[in-house]
Amino acid sequence: MAATTLKTLGTRLINQSTGKGRVCLVTGSASKGMGRAFVLSLAKEGGLVEVSDIPKREKEGHEGTQILEKTSFPKCDGRKSIWVPLDVTKEEAWKAAVSDGVLDVLVNNAGIVTPHDATAVQSKQISLAELHKSTNAGMVGGVGTLGYGTSKWAHRGLTKYMAGTLPAAGIRARVSSVRFIRTEMIRGVGLVDQNSDDVIGEIGNALANMNYLKRSAGPEEVANLVVFFASDESSFSTGSEFLVDGRWQ
């Protein structure tokens, strides 16, 4: 592939020859945390975003699509987003989610992808990029949470094998490992204030002090990396691991 010319901000996910934006499916994106930040950032660059989550979160999912439709972001085929119900643990749900065969970018923000999921998606021709969101529990050992930590190590391995298995289909796989991001879950357990970005409590402050920057991060700080992965700016990157953790100690 020839060297890529950097595009103007706001058009990085738009095909200049067709004028169409890349179709981006973001799992677990009914939330107001990283999922919402991902869909907003992708849409801002011209992508047609498929907001997806488990069926019972349909109301929140539609809230996300309505927010996008009210923005001044570019439209793809006359729209900016659609709601796609998807339980990532069900193979049939994956097949239904990509049944029209049009998908350029898959952001695995929810759950853990299995080899079966990869096979189902590959058969529907994802054409460009796949991003797995993990945490740095898969980078270092720890105490407790054995299942959680083990799954994150597996996530890294899955990305490496997908990078080696899927290039013939034009698919690149990357994994982003994050830590202490201000999500609904983090706020809900009392580590970050509900109405501000302030870290609170003994445990919250201890976690903040475990990275070089001594703070938590906003979902948009991860979303910036997601847009980079989804664009041609990362066209020679696959099987790569990216840390968004303030250099966890």
Foldseek 3Di string as FASTA:
>chain_A
DDDDDDDDALAQQADPVVRAGAEEEEEPLLFPALSLLQLVRSQSNRYQYEQEYAPVSVVSSVVSLVVSQPDPRHAGPNGRYHYQYADQVDLVSLLVRLVVLGHAEYEHPDDAHDVSSVVSNVVSQRAAEYEYEAACLLVDPDPDPVVNSVRRVVRLVVQLVCCVVPVVSHYAYEYEHEPQEPTPVCCVVQQAPPPDQHGDDPVNQVLLVQAPVSGGHGSNVVSVVVNCRSGCVCVPDHSYYHYHYNHGD
